[in-house]
Amino acid sequence: IADAITDRTRLVFLCTPNNPSGTCATTEELRSFLQRIPSDI
């Protein structure tokens, strides 16, 4: 998802627990993701 972000990206939806698979992202996974992407998205 982080790799898919471009200069046209304005919003990311992250469903956790995900519907319909029910799986969850961990706090550290999300923190690492948020550290990778521009802070204005």
Full PDB file with SEQRES, HELIX, SHEET, SSBOND, CRYST1, ORIGX, SCALE, CONECT and MASTER records, all heavy atoms in Angstrom:
SEQRES   1 A   41  ILE ALA ASP ALA ILE THR ASP ARG THR ARG LEU VAL PHE          
SEQRES   2 A   41  LEU CYS THR PRO ASN ASN PRO SER GLY THR CYS ALA THR          
SEQRES   3 A   41  THR GLU GLU LEU ARG SER PHE LEU GLN ARG ILE PRO SER          
SEQRES   4 A   41  ASP ILE                                                      
HELIX    1 AA1 THR A   27  ARG A   36  1                                  10    
CRYST1    1.000    1.000    1.000  90.00  90.00  90.00 P 1           1          
ORIGX1      1.000000  0.000000  0.000000        0.00000                         
ORIGX2      0.000000  1.000000  0.000000        0.00000                         
ORIGX3      0.000000  0.000000  1.000000        0.00000                         
SCALE1      1.000000  0.000000  0.000000        0.00000                         
SCALE2      0.000000  1.000000  0.000000        0.00000                         
SCALE3      0.000000  0.000000  1.000000        0.00000                         
ATOM      1  N   ILE A   1       0.838  -1.199   0.000  1.00  0.00           N  
ATOM      2  CA  ILE A   1       0.000   0.000   0.000  1.00  0.00           C  
ATOM      3  C   ILE A   1       0.872   1.247   0.000  1.00  0.00           C  
ATOM      4  O   ILE A   1       0.618   2.213  -0.747  1.00  0.00           O  
ATOM      5  CB  ILE A   1      -0.959  -0.019   1.205  1.00  0.00           C  
ATOM      6  CG1 ILE A   1      -1.992  -1.141   1.043  1.00  0.00           C  
ATOM      7  CG2 ILE A   1      -1.674   1.331   1.355  1.00  0.00           C  
ATOM      8  CD1 ILE A   1      -2.879  -1.347   2.246  1.00  0.00           C  
ATOM      9  N   ALA A   2       1.909   1.245   0.816  1.00  0.00           N  
ATOM     10  CA  ALA A   2       2.827   2.388   0.842  1.00  0.00           C  
ATOM     11  C   ALA A   2       3.498   2.565  -0.518  1.00  0.00           C  
ATOM     12  O   ALA A   2       3.671   3.698  -1.000  1.00  0.00           O  
ATOM     13  CB  ALA A   2       3.867   2.195   1.933  1.00  0.00           C  
ATOM     14  N   ASP A   3       3.873   1.469  -1.155  1.00  0.00           N  
ATOM     15  CA  ASP A   3       4.508   1.541  -2.472  1.00  0.00           C  
ATOM     16  C   ASP A   3       3.560   2.082  -3.533  1.00  0.00           C  
ATOM     17  O   ASP A   3       4.007   2.642  -4.549  1.00  0.00           O  
ATOM     18  CB  ASP A   3       5.004   0.161  -2.898  1.00  0.00           C  
ATOM     19  CG  ASP A   3       6.187  -0.329  -2.062  1.00  0.00           C  
ATOM     20  OD1 ASP A   3       6.859   0.519  -1.440  1.00  0.00           O  
ATOM     21  OD2 ASP A   3       6.407  -1.556  -2.035  1.00  0.00           O  
ATOM     22  N   ALA A   4       2.253   1.900  -3.328  1.00  0.00           N  
ATOM     23  CA  ALA A   4       1.260   2.320  -4.316  1.00  0.00           C  
ATOM     24  C   ALA A   4       0.953   3.811  -4.254  1.00  0.00           C  
ATOM     25  O   ALA A   4       0.286   4.349  -5.141  1.00  0.00           O  
ATOM     26  CB  ALA A   4      -0.027   1.524  -4.126  1.00  0.00           C  
ATOM     27  N   ILE A   5       1.422   4.493  -3.228  1.00  0.00           N  
ATOM     28  CA  ILE A   5       1.116   5.911  -3.063  1.00  0.00           C  
ATOM     29  C   ILE A   5       1.940   6.743  -4.041  1.00  0.00           C  
ATOM     30  O   ILE A   5       3.138   6.518  -4.226  1.00  0.00           O  
ATOM     31  CB  ILE A   5       1.365   6.329  -1.609  1.00  0.00           C  
ATOM     32  CG1 ILE A   5       0.283   5.718  -0.717  1.00  0.00           C  
ATOM     33  CG2 ILE A   5       1.398   7.848  -1.459  1.00  0.00           C  
ATOM     34  CD1 ILE A   5       0.498   5.914   0.759  1.00  0.00           C  
ATOM     35  N   THR A   6       1.270   7.712  -4.687  1.00  0.00           N  
ATOM     36  CA  THR A   6       1.914   8.608  -5.640  1.00  0.00           C  
ATOM     37  C   THR A   6       1.652  10.051  -5.227  1.00  0.00           C  
ATOM     38  O   THR A   6       0.999  10.318  -4.205  1.00  0.00           O  
ATOM     39  CB  THR A   6       1.364   8.374  -7.059  1.00  0.00           C  
ATOM     40  OG1 THR A   6       0.015   8.884  -7.131  1.00  0.00           O  
ATOM     41  CG2 THR A   6       1.364   6.899  -7.419  1.00  0.00           C  
ATOM     42  N   ASP A   7       2.115  10.981  -6.071  1.00  0.00           N  
ATOM     43  CA  ASP A   7       1.864  12.386  -5.754  1.00  0.00           C  
ATOM     44  C   ASP A   7       0.411  12.782  -5.992  1.00  0.00           C  
ATOM     45  O   ASP A   7       0.007  13.900  -5.665  1.00  0.00           O  
ATOM     46  CB  ASP A   7       2.803  13.296  -6.556  1.00  0.00           C  
ATOM     47  CG  ASP A   7       2.686  13.104  -8.068  1.00  0.00           C  
ATOM     48  OD1 ASP A   7       1.843  12.291  -8.516  1.00  0.00           O  
ATOM     49  OD2 ASP A   7       3.440  13.775  -8.796  1.00  0.00           O  
ATOM     50  N   ARG A   8      -0.395  11.844  -6.538  1.00  0.00           N  
ATOM     51  CA  ARG A   8      -1.837  12.090  -6.698  1.00  0.00           C  
ATOM     52  C   ARG A   8      -2.658  11.526  -5.544  1.00  0.00           C  
ATOM     53  O   ARG A   8      -3.866  11.771  -5.465  1.00  0.00           O  
ATOM     54  CB  ARG A   8      -2.327  11.477  -8.014  1.00  0.00           C  
ATOM     55  CG  ARG A   8      -1.770  12.149  -9.270  1.00  0.00           C  
ATOM     56  CD  ARG A   8      -2.194  11.364 -10.504  1.00  0.00           C  
ATOM     57  NE  ARG A   8      -3.646  11.185 -10.541  1.00  0.00           N  
ATOM     58  CZ  ARG A   8      -4.258  10.147 -11.090  1.00  0.00           C  
ATOM     59  NH1 ARG A   8      -3.538   9.162 -11.643  1.00  0.00           N  
ATOM     60  NH2 ARG A   8      -5.569  10.063 -11.104  1.00  0.00           N  
ATOM     61  N   THR A   9      -2.050  10.778  -4.652  1.00  0.00           N  
ATOM     62  CA  THR A   9      -2.772  10.154  -3.545  1.00  0.00           C  
ATOM     63  C   THR A   9      -3.177  11.209  -2.514  1.00  0.00           C  
ATOM     64  O   THR A   9      -2.353  12.022  -2.094  1.00  0.00           O  
ATOM     65  CB  THR A   9      -1.914   9.082  -2.866  1.00  0.00           C  
ATOM     66  OG1 THR A   9      -1.469   8.133  -3.833  1.00  0.00           O  
ATOM     67  CG2 THR A   9      -2.715   8.361  -1.787  1.00  0.00           C  
ATOM     68  N   ARG A  10      -4.425  11.160  -2.105  1.00  0.00           N  
ATOM     69  CA  ARG A  10      -4.921  12.087  -1.089  1.00  0.00           C  
ATOM     70  C   ARG A  10      -5.470  11.371   0.141  1.00  0.00           C  
ATOM     71  O   ARG A  10      -5.625  11.989   1.195  1.00  0.00           O  
ATOM     72  CB  ARG A  10      -6.022  12.971  -1.688  1.00  0.00           C  
ATOM     73  CG  ARG A  10      -5.559  13.873  -2.822  1.00  0.00           C  
ATOM     74  CD  ARG A  10      -4.591  14.937  -2.321  1.00  0.00           C  
ATOM     75  NE  ARG A  10      -4.104  15.773  -3.414  1.00  0.00           N  
ATOM     76  CZ  ARG A  10      -3.005  15.512  -4.124  1.00  0.00           C  
ATOM     77  NH1 ARG A  10      -2.252  14.447  -3.830  1.00  0.00           N  
ATOM     78  NH2 ARG A  10      -2.630  16.304  -5.101  1.00  0.00           N  
ATOM     79  N   LEU A  11      -5.795  10.079   0.018  1.00  0.00           N  
ATOM     80  CA  LEU A  11      -6.466   9.383   1.108  1.00  0.00           C  
ATOM     81  C   LEU A  11      -6.173   7.899   1.027  1.00  0.00           C  
ATOM     82  O   LEU A  11      -6.085   7.319  -0.062  1.00  0.00           O  
ATOM     83  CB  LEU A  11      -7.981   9.623   1.011  1.00  0.00           C  
ATOM     84  CG  LEU A  11      -8.906   8.916   1.998  1.00  0.00           C  
ATOM     85  CD1 LEU A  11      -8.610   9.336   3.438  1.00  0.00           C  
ATOM     86  CD2 LEU A  11     -10.361   9.217   1.646  1.00  0.00           C  
ATOM     87  N   VAL A  12      -6.041   7.286   2.206  1.00  0.00           N  
ATOM     88  CA  VAL A  12      -5.884   5.833   2.317  1.00  0.00           C  
ATOM     89  C   VAL A  12      -6.944   5.322   3.284  1.00  0.00           C  
ATOM     90  O   VAL A  12      -7.101   5.856   4.389  1.00  0.00           O  
ATOM     91  CB  VAL A  12      -4.480   5.449   2.831  1.00  0.00           C  
ATOM     92  CG1 VAL A  12      -4.359   3.928   2.957  1.00  0.00           C  
ATOM     93  CG2 VAL A  12      -3.389   6.005   1.924  1.00  0.00           C  
ATOM     94  N   PHE A  13      -7.689   4.295   2.872  1.00  0.00           N  
ATOM     95  CA  PHE A  13      -8.625   3.610   3.758  1.00  0.00           C  
ATOM     96  C   PHE A  13      -7.962   2.330   4.258  1.00  0.00           C  
ATOM     97  O   PHE A  13      -7.487   1.515   3.455  1.00  0.00           O  
ATOM     98  CB  PHE A  13      -9.915   3.228   3.028  1.00  0.00           C  
ATOM     99  CG  PHE A  13     -10.812   4.377   2.674  1.00  0.00           C  
ATOM    100  CD1 PHE A  13     -11.411   4.442   1.423  1.00  0.00           C  
ATOM    101  CD2 PHE A  13     -11.089   5.373   3.587  1.00  0.00           C  
ATOM    102  CE1 PHE A  13     -12.260   5.475   1.081  1.00  0.00           C  
ATOM    103  CE2 PHE A  13     -11.937   6.427   3.264  1.00  0.00           C  
ATOM    104  CZ  PHE A  13     -12.521   6.479   2.013  1.00  0.00           C  
ATOM    105  N   LEU A  14      -7.933   2.150   5.575  1.00  0.00           N  
ATOM    106  CA  LEU A  14      -7.405   0.924   6.167  1.00  0.00           C  
ATOM    107  C   LEU A  14      -8.443   0.374   7.140  1.00  0.00           C  
ATOM    108  O   LEU A  14      -8.700   0.966   8.186  1.00  0.00           O  
ATOM    109  CB  LEU A  14      -6.085   1.187   6.906  1.00  0.00           C  
ATOM    110  CG  LEU A  14      -4.914   1.705   6.073  1.00  0.00           C  
ATOM    111  CD1 LEU A  14      -3.712   1.967   6.982  1.00  0.00           C  
ATOM    112  CD2 LEU A  14      -4.539   0.722   4.973  1.00  0.00           C  
ATOM    113  N   CYS A  15      -9.044  -0.742   6.791  1.00  0.00           N  
ATOM    114  CA  CYS A  15     -10.084  -1.344   7.622  1.00  0.00           C  
ATOM    115  C   CYS A  15      -9.452  -2.399   8.512  1.00  0.00           C  
ATOM    116  O   CYS A  15      -8.937  -3.417   8.027  1.00  0.00           O  
ATOM    117  CB  CYS A  15     -11.137  -1.981   6.709  1.00  0.00           C  
ATOM    118  SG  CYS A  15     -12.608  -2.584   7.555  1.00  0.00           S  
ATOM    119  N   THR A  16      -9.482  -2.175   9.835  1.00  0.00           N  
ATOM    120  CA  THR A  16      -8.887  -3.138  10.758  1.00  0.00           C  
ATOM    121  C   THR A  16      -9.731  -3.203  12.036  1.00  0.00           C  
ATOM    122  O   THR A  16      -9.882  -2.182  12.711  1.00  0.00           O  
ATOM    123  CB  THR A  16      -7.409  -2.801  11.062  1.00  0.00           C  
ATOM    124  OG1 THR A  16      -6.865  -3.797  11.948  1.00  0.00           O  
ATOM    125  CG2 THR A  16      -7.221  -1.421  11.666  1.00  0.00           C  
ATOM    126  N   PRO A  17     -10.348  -4.363  12.312  1.00  0.00           N  
ATOM    127  CA  PRO A  17     -10.319  -5.600  11.551  1.00  0.00           C  
ATOM    128  C   PRO A  17     -10.881  -5.401  10.147  1.00  0.00           C  
ATOM    129  O   PRO A  17     -11.837  -4.660   9.960  1.00  0.00           O  
ATOM    130  CB  PRO A  17     -11.206  -6.549  12.359  1.00  0.00           C  
ATOM    131  CG  PRO A  17     -11.256  -5.963  13.745  1.00  0.00           C  
ATOM    132  CD  PRO A  17     -11.149  -4.501  13.555  1.00  0.00           C  
ATOM    133  N   ASN A  18     -10.263  -6.111   9.198  1.00  0.00           N  
ATOM    134  CA  ASN A  18     -10.687  -5.951   7.817  1.00  0.00           C  
ATOM    135  C   ASN A  18     -12.008  -6.681   7.584  1.00  0.00           C  
ATOM    136  O   ASN A  18     -12.237  -7.766   8.105  1.00  0.00           O  
ATOM    137  CB  ASN A  18      -9.618  -6.503   6.875  1.00  0.00           C  
ATOM    138  CG  ASN A  18      -9.936  -6.222   5.427  1.00  0.00           C  
ATOM    139  OD1 ASN A  18     -10.305  -5.105   5.078  1.00  0.00           O  
ATOM    140  ND2 ASN A  18      -9.799  -7.223   4.579  1.00  0.00           N  
ATOM    141  N   ASN A  19     -12.861  -6.058   6.813  1.00  0.00           N  
ATOM    142  CA  ASN A  19     -14.131  -6.653   6.408  1.00  0.00           C  
ATOM    143  C   ASN A  19     -14.041  -6.960   4.914  1.00  0.00           C  
ATOM    144  O   ASN A  19     -13.852  -6.044   4.120  1.00  0.00           O  
ATOM    145  CB  ASN A  19     -15.263  -5.660   6.682  1.00  0.00           C  
ATOM    146  CG  ASN A  19     -16.613  -6.136   6.187  1.00  0.00           C  
ATOM    147  OD1 ASN A  19     -16.849  -7.318   6.025  1.00  0.00           O  
ATOM    148  ND2 ASN A  19     -17.507  -5.191   5.953  1.00  0.00           N  
ATOM    149  N   PRO A  20     -14.090  -8.244   4.486  1.00  0.00           N  
ATOM    150  CA  PRO A  20     -14.663  -9.377   5.217  1.00  0.00           C  
ATOM    151  C   PRO A  20     -13.667 -10.378   5.808  1.00  0.00           C  
ATOM    152  O   PRO A  20     -14.094 -11.347   6.427  1.00  0.00           O  
ATOM    153  CB  PRO A  20     -15.447 -10.079   4.117  1.00  0.00           C  
ATOM    154  CG  PRO A  20     -14.590  -9.898   2.895  1.00  0.00           C  
ATOM    155  CD  PRO A  20     -13.987  -8.519   3.032  1.00  0.00           C  
ATOM    156  N   SER A  21     -12.364 -10.207   5.618  1.00  0.00           N  
ATOM    157  CA  SER A  21     -11.438 -11.262   6.033  1.00  0.00           C  
ATOM    158  C   SER A  21     -11.274 -11.346   7.550  1.00  0.00           C  
ATOM    159  O   SER A  21     -10.900 -12.392   8.073  1.00  0.00           O  
ATOM    160  CB  SER A  21     -10.065 -11.058   5.381  1.00  0.00           C  
ATOM    161  OG  SER A  21      -9.440  -9.886   5.876  1.00  0.00           O  
ATOM    162  N   GLY A  22     -11.538 -10.226   8.262  1.00  0.00           N  
ATOM    163  CA  GLY A  22     -11.459 -10.226   9.722  1.00  0.00           C  
ATOM    164  C   GLY A  22     -10.078 -10.053  10.295  1.00  0.00           C  
ATOM    165  O   GLY A  22      -9.918  -9.946  11.511  1.00  0.00           O  
ATOM    166  N   THR A  23      -9.046 -10.012   9.459  1.00  0.00           N  
ATOM    167  CA  THR A  23      -7.674  -9.899   9.941  1.00  0.00           C  
ATOM    168  C   THR A  23      -7.366  -8.471  10.388  1.00  0.00           C  
ATOM    169  O   THR A  23      -7.985  -7.509   9.916  1.00  0.00           O  
ATOM    170  CB  THR A  23      -6.686 -10.328   8.852  1.00  0.00           C  
ATOM    171  OG1 THR A  23      -6.961  -9.583   7.665  1.00  0.00           O  
ATOM    172  CG2 THR A  23      -6.812 -11.814   8.564  1.00  0.00           C  
ATOM    173  N   CYS A  24      -6.388  -8.348  11.280  1.00  0.00           N  
ATOM    174  CA  CYS A  24      -6.047  -7.056  11.869  1.00  0.00           C  
ATOM    175  C   CYS A  24      -4.590  -6.692  11.600  1.00  0.00           C  
ATOM    176  O   CYS A  24      -3.723  -7.575  11.551  1.00  0.00           O  
ATOM    177  CB  CYS A  24      -6.257  -7.076  13.385  1.00  0.00           C  
ATOM    178  SG  CYS A  24      -7.958  -7.400  13.906  1.00  0.00           S  
ATOM    179  N   ALA A  25      -4.343  -5.413  11.469  1.00  0.00           N  
ATOM    180  CA  ALA A  25      -2.971  -4.912  11.446  1.00  0.00           C  
ATOM    181  C   ALA A  25      -2.530  -4.639  12.873  1.00  0.00           C  
ATOM    182  O   ALA A  25      -3.344  -4.275  13.727  1.00  0.00           O  
ATOM    183  CB  ALA A  25      -2.883  -3.639  10.612  1.00  0.00           C  
ATOM    184  N   THR A  26      -1.249  -4.814  13.156  1.00  0.00           N  
ATOM    185  CA  THR A  26      -0.742  -4.526  14.491  1.00  0.00           C  
ATOM    186  C   THR A  26      -0.393  -3.050  14.611  1.00  0.00           C  
ATOM    187  O   THR A  26      -0.258  -2.330  13.614  1.00  0.00           O  
ATOM    188  CB  THR A  26       0.514  -5.358  14.802  1.00  0.00           C  
ATOM    189  OG1 THR A  26       1.592  -4.894  13.967  1.00  0.00           O  
ATOM    190  CG2 THR A  26       0.270  -6.839  14.540  1.00  0.00           C  
ATOM    191  N   THR A  27      -0.210  -2.613  15.843  1.00  0.00           N  
ATOM    192  CA  THR A  27       0.171  -1.222  16.075  1.00  0.00           C  
ATOM    193  C   THR A  27       1.491  -0.897  15.400  1.00  0.00           C  
ATOM    194  O   THR A  27       1.632   0.146  14.737  1.00  0.00           O  
ATOM    195  CB  THR A  27       0.282  -0.951  17.586  1.00  0.00           C  
ATOM    196  OG1 THR A  27      -0.955  -1.289  18.229  1.00  0.00           O  
ATOM    197  CG2 THR A  27       0.603   0.515  17.861  1.00  0.00           C  
ATOM    198  N   GLU A  28       2.469  -1.775  15.535  1.00  0.00           N  
ATOM    199  CA  GLU A  28       3.783  -1.513  14.955  1.00  0.00           C  
ATOM    200  C   GLU A  28       3.748  -1.529  13.439  1.00  0.00           C  
ATOM    201  O   GLU A  28       4.448  -0.747  12.780  1.00  0.00           O  
ATOM    202  CB  GLU A  28       4.814  -2.518  15.490  1.00  0.00           C  
ATOM    203  CG  GLU A  28       5.231  -2.231  16.927  1.00  0.00           C  
ATOM    204  CD  GLU A  28       5.683  -0.789  17.119  1.00  0.00           C  
ATOM    205  OE1 GLU A  28       6.488  -0.298  16.297  1.00  0.00           O  
ATOM    206  OE2 GLU A  28       5.218  -0.141  18.076  1.00  0.00           O  
ATOM    207  N   GLU A  29       2.935  -2.409  12.858  1.00  0.00           N  
ATOM    208  CA  GLU A  29       2.801  -2.418  11.400  1.00  0.00           C  
ATOM    209  C   GLU A  29       2.228  -1.099  10.903  1.00  0.00           C  
ATOM    210  O   GLU A  29       2.708  -0.526   9.908  1.00  0.00           O  
ATOM    211  CB  GLU A  29       1.909  -3.585  10.972  1.00  0.00           C  
ATOM    212  CG  GLU A  29       2.574  -4.950  11.095  1.00  0.00           C  
ATOM    213  CD  GLU A  29       1.604  -6.086  10.875  1.00  0.00           C  
ATOM    214  OE1 GLU A  29       0.374  -5.879  10.999  1.00  0.00           O  
ATOM    215  OE2 GLU A  29       2.068  -7.213  10.587  1.00  0.00           O  
ATOM    216  N   LEU A  30       1.209  -0.618  11.588  1.00  0.00           N  
ATOM    217  CA  LEU A  30       0.604   0.646  11.187  1.00  0.00           C  
ATOM    218  C   LEU A  30       1.550   1.822  11.426  1.00  0.00           C  
ATOM    219  O   LEU A  30       1.627   2.742  10.602  1.00  0.00           O  
ATOM    220  CB  LEU A  30      -0.707   0.860  11.944  1.00  0.00           C  
ATOM    221  CG  LEU A  30      -1.859  -0.056  11.523  1.00  0.00           C  
ATOM    222  CD1 LEU A  30      -3.016   0.048  12.499  1.00  0.00           C  
ATOM    223  CD2 LEU A  30      -2.334   0.283  10.101  1.00  0.00           C  
ATOM    224  N   ARG A  31       2.274   1.780  12.515  1.00  0.00           N  
ATOM    225  CA  ARG A  31       3.234   2.860  12.795  1.00  0.00           C  
ATOM    226  C   ARG A  31       4.309   2.910  11.703  1.00  0.00           C  
ATOM    227  O   ARG A  31       4.647   3.992  11.195  1.00  0.00           O  
ATOM    228  CB  ARG A  31       3.854   2.672  14.169  1.00  0.00           C  
ATOM    229  CG  ARG A  31       4.885   3.755  14.514  1.00  0.00           C  
ATOM    230  CD  ARG A  31       5.395   3.625  15.931  1.00  0.00           C  
ATOM    231  NE  ARG A  31       4.401   4.074  16.897  1.00  0.00           N  
ATOM    232  CZ  ARG A  31       3.811   3.283  17.789  1.00  0.00           C  
ATOM    233  NH1 ARG A  31       4.115   1.976  17.827  1.00  0.00           N  
ATOM    234  NH2 ARG A  31       2.923   3.775  18.625  1.00  0.00           N  
ATOM    235  N   SER A  32       4.829   1.771  11.333  1.00  0.00           N  
ATOM    236  CA  SER A  32       5.845   1.726  10.283  1.00  0.00           C  
ATOM    237  C   SER A  32       5.279   2.243   8.963  1.00  0.00           C  
ATOM    238  O   SER A  32       5.961   2.966   8.219  1.00  0.00           O  
ATOM    239  CB  SER A  32       6.359   0.295  10.104  1.00  0.00           C  
ATOM    240  OG  SER A  32       7.018  -0.151  11.271  1.00  0.00           O  
ATOM    241  N   PHE A  33       4.048   1.882   8.670  1.00  0.00           N  
ATOM    242  CA  PHE A  33       3.400   2.363   7.459  1.00  0.00           C  
ATOM    243  C   PHE A  33       3.264   3.885   7.485  1.00  0.00           C  
ATOM    244  O   PHE A  33       3.604   4.578   6.512  1.00  0.00           O  
ATOM    245  CB  PHE A  33       2.028   1.719   7.310  1.00  0.00           C  
ATOM    246  CG  PHE A  33       1.157   2.345   6.264  1.00  0.00           C  
ATOM    247  CD1 PHE A  33       1.342   2.049   4.929  1.00  0.00           C  
ATOM    248  CD2 PHE A  33       0.162   3.247   6.614  1.00  0.00           C  
ATOM    249  CE1 PHE A  33       0.549   2.637   3.956  1.00  0.00           C  
ATOM    250  CE2 PHE A  33      -0.633   3.845   5.655  1.00  0.00           C  
ATOM    251  CZ  PHE A  33      -0.442   3.531   4.312  1.00  0.00           C  
ATOM    252  N   LEU A  34       2.770   4.415   8.596  1.00  0.00           N  
ATOM    253  CA  LEU A  34       2.539   5.853   8.706  1.00  0.00           C  
ATOM    254  C   LEU A  34       3.847   6.633   8.629  1.00  0.00           C  
ATOM    255  O   LEU A  34       3.877   7.768   8.131  1.00  0.00           O  
ATOM    256  CB  LEU A  34       1.802   6.161  10.007  1.00  0.00           C  
ATOM    257  CG  LEU A  34       0.335   5.694  10.035  1.00  0.00           C  
ATOM    258  CD1 LEU A  34      -0.197   5.648  11.463  1.00  0.00           C  
ATOM    259  CD2 LEU A  34      -0.536   6.598   9.170  1.00  0.00           C  
ATOM    260  N   GLN A  35       4.916   6.042   9.096  1.00  0.00           N  
ATOM    261  CA  GLN A  35       6.215   6.697   9.012  1.00  0.00           C  
ATOM    262  C   GLN A  35       6.732   6.764   7.580  1.00  0.00           C  
ATOM    263  O   GLN A  35       7.564   7.615   7.261  1.00  0.00           O  
ATOM    264  CB  GLN A  35       7.223   5.969   9.910  1.00  0.00           C  
ATOM    265  CG  GLN A  35       6.962   6.155  11.400  1.00  0.00           C  
ATOM    266  CD  GLN A  35       7.812   5.243  12.269  1.00  0.00           C  
ATOM    267  OE1 GLN A  35       8.350   4.232  11.788  1.00  0.00           O  
ATOM    268  NE2 GLN A  35       7.933   5.577  13.544  1.00  0.00           N  
ATOM    269  N   ARG A  36       6.241   5.875   6.722  1.00  0.00           N  
ATOM    270  CA  ARG A  36       6.719   5.808   5.339  1.00  0.00           C  
ATOM    271  C   ARG A  36       6.023   6.801   4.417  1.00  0.00           C  
ATOM    272  O   ARG A  36       6.581   7.164   3.376  1.00  0.00           O  
ATOM    273  CB  ARG A  36       6.504   4.398   4.777  1.00  0.00           C  
ATOM    274  CG  ARG A  36       7.488   3.349   5.242  1.00  0.00           C  
ATOM    275  CD  ARG A  36       7.321   2.089   4.393  1.00  0.00           C  
ATOM    276  NE  ARG A  36       7.542   2.356   2.957  1.00  0.00           N  
ATOM    277  CZ  ARG A  36       7.323   1.467   1.998  1.00  0.00           C  
ATOM    278  NH1 ARG A  36       6.869   0.251   2.304  1.00  0.00           N  
ATOM    279  NH2 ARG A  36       7.547   1.771   0.728  1.00  0.00           N  
ATOM    280  N   ILE A  37       4.818   7.204   4.733  1.00  0.00           N  
ATOM    281  CA  ILE A  37       4.041   7.970   3.758  1.00  0.00           C  
ATOM    282  C   ILE A  37       4.041   9.455   4.100  1.00  0.00           C  
ATOM    283  O   ILE A  37       4.261   9.848   5.248  1.00  0.00           O  
ATOM    284  CB  ILE A  37       2.593   7.444   3.671  1.00  0.00           C  
ATOM    285  CG1 ILE A  37       1.822   7.778   4.944  1.00  0.00           C  
ATOM    286  CG2 ILE A  37       2.575   5.942   3.413  1.00  0.00           C  
ATOM    287  CD1 ILE A  37       0.339   7.521   4.799  1.00  0.00           C  
ATOM    288  N   PRO A  38       3.810  10.321   3.113  1.00  0.00           N  
ATOM    289  CA  PRO A  38       3.777  11.767   3.373  1.00  0.00           C  
ATOM    290  C   PRO A  38       2.737  12.125   4.419  1.00  0.00           C  
ATOM    291  O   PRO A  38       1.638  11.563   4.445  1.00  0.00           O  
ATOM    292  CB  PRO A  38       3.419  12.354   2.005  1.00  0.00           C  
ATOM    293  CG  PRO A  38       3.879  11.331   1.014  1.00  0.00           C  
ATOM    294  CD  PRO A  38       3.653  10.002   1.679  1.00  0.00           C  
ATOM    295  N   SER A  39       3.071  13.062   5.271  1.00  0.00           N  
ATOM    296  CA  SER A  39       2.199  13.416   6.390  1.00  0.00           C  
ATOM    297  C   SER A  39       0.972  14.223   5.971  1.00  0.00           C  
ATOM    298  O   SER A  39       0.084  14.464   6.793  1.00  0.00           O  
ATOM    299  CB  SER A  39       2.988  14.200   7.438  1.00  0.00           C  
ATOM    300  OG  SER A  39       3.516  15.391   6.869  1.00  0.00           O  
ATOM    301  N   ASP A  40       0.905  14.630   4.687  1.00  0.00           N  
ATOM    302  CA  ASP A  40      -0.273  15.375   4.237  1.00  0.00           C  
ATOM    303  C   ASP A  40      -1.314  14.484   3.581  1.00  0.00           C  
ATOM    304  O   ASP A  40      -2.336  14.962   3.088  1.00  0.00           O  
ATOM    305  CB  ASP A  40       0.128  16.512   3.292  1.00  0.00           C  
ATOM    306  CG  ASP A  40       0.836  16.017   2.035  1.00  0.00           C  
ATOM    307  OD1 ASP A  40       1.198  14.818   1.979  1.00  0.00           O  
ATOM    308  OD2 ASP A  40       1.027  16.835   1.119  1.00  0.00           O  
ATOM    309  N   ILE A  41      -1.072  13.174   3.560  1.00  0.00           N  
ATOM    310  CA  ILE A  41      -2.052  12.221   3.033  1.00  0.00           C  
ATOM    311  C   ILE A  41      -2.865  11.678   4.199  1.00  0.00           C  
ATOM    312  O   ILE A  41      -2.319  11.102   5.145  1.00  0.00           O  
ATOM    313  CB  ILE A  41      -1.358  11.076   2.279  1.00  0.00           C  
ATOM    314  CG1 ILE A  41      -0.652  11.612   1.029  1.00  0.00           C  
ATOM    315  CG2 ILE A  41      -2.364   9.986   1.911  1.00  0.00           C  
ATOM    316  CD1 ILE A  41       0.152  10.561   0.297  1.00  0.00           C  
TER     317      ILE A  41                                                      
MASTER        0    0    0    1    0    0    0    6  316    1    0    4          
END                                                                             
